[in-house]
Amino acid sequence: MSSLAMEVETGSENKHKQLASWVEEVAHMCKPDRVYWCDGSGEEYQAMLRLMVLA
């Protein structure tokens, strides 16, 4: 996908439309490879710890 056509997937659980719109606007300006939405789960926390230890 080209950076000009990047889509920011918010997932069905994201109910904050203004936040999603702002993130999409910033993503179009900054052109990241991808946007990751944190969910705050314990599973996500453990995955982040594993990534930091491996780095």
Protein backbone atom coordinates (compact mmCIF):
# COMPACT_ATOMS: atom_id res chain seq x y z
CA MET A 1 0.00 0.00 0.00
CA SER A 2 1.47 3.37 -0.89
CA SER A 3 1.87 5.92 1.89
CA LEU A 4 -0.50 8.26 0.08
CA ALA A 5 -3.26 5.67 0.19
CA MET A 6 -2.61 4.55 3.75
CA GLU A 7 -5.66 3.58 5.73
CA VAL A 8 -5.73 3.78 9.50
CA GLU A 9 -7.70 0.83 10.79
CA THR A 10 -9.38 1.72 14.04
CA GLY A 11 -11.14 -1.57 14.68
CA SER A 12 -14.78 -1.91 15.59
CA GLU A 13 -14.07 -1.32 19.29
CA ASN A 14 -12.86 2.25 18.73
CA LYS A 15 -15.80 4.48 19.50
CA HIS A 16 -13.82 7.73 19.72
CA LYS A 17 -14.45 9.12 16.25
CA GLN A 18 -12.59 12.39 16.89
CA LEU A 19 -9.52 10.50 18.09
CA ALA A 20 -9.62 8.15 15.10
CA SER A 21 -9.94 11.12 12.76
CA TRP A 22 -6.98 12.89 14.40
CA VAL A 23 -4.81 9.76 14.24
CA GLU A 24 -5.66 9.33 10.57
CA GLU A 25 -4.79 12.99 9.87
CA VAL A 26 -1.43 12.69 11.66
CA ALA A 27 -0.68 9.37 9.94
CA HIS A 28 -1.21 10.98 6.55
CA MET A 29 1.24 13.75 7.48
CA CYS A 30 3.88 11.49 9.07
CA LYS A 31 3.49 8.50 6.71
CA PRO A 32 4.32 5.70 9.18
CA ASP A 33 4.62 2.11 7.97
CA ARG A 34 1.66 1.25 10.17
CA VAL A 35 -0.40 2.50 13.10
CA TYR A 36 -0.82 0.30 16.16
CA TRP A 37 -3.74 0.82 18.54
CA CYS A 38 -2.94 -0.20 22.12
CA ASP A 39 -5.76 -2.03 23.88
CA GLY A 40 -4.25 -2.01 27.37
CA SER A 41 -4.69 -5.74 27.89
CA GLY A 42 -2.42 -7.87 30.02
CA GLU A 43 -1.61 -9.95 26.95
CA GLU A 44 -0.49 -6.84 25.08
CA TYR A 45 1.62 -5.76 28.06
CA GLN A 46 3.41 -9.11 28.17
CA ALA A 47 4.03 -8.98 24.41
CA MET A 48 5.56 -5.50 24.76
CA LEU A 49 7.82 -6.72 27.59
CA ARG A 50 9.01 -9.63 25.43
CA LEU A 51 9.80 -7.23 22.58
CA MET A 52 11.79 -4.93 24.88
CA VAL A 53 13.79 -7.83 26.32
CA LEU A 54 14.63 -9.07 22.82
CA ALA A 55 15.73 -5.61 21.64
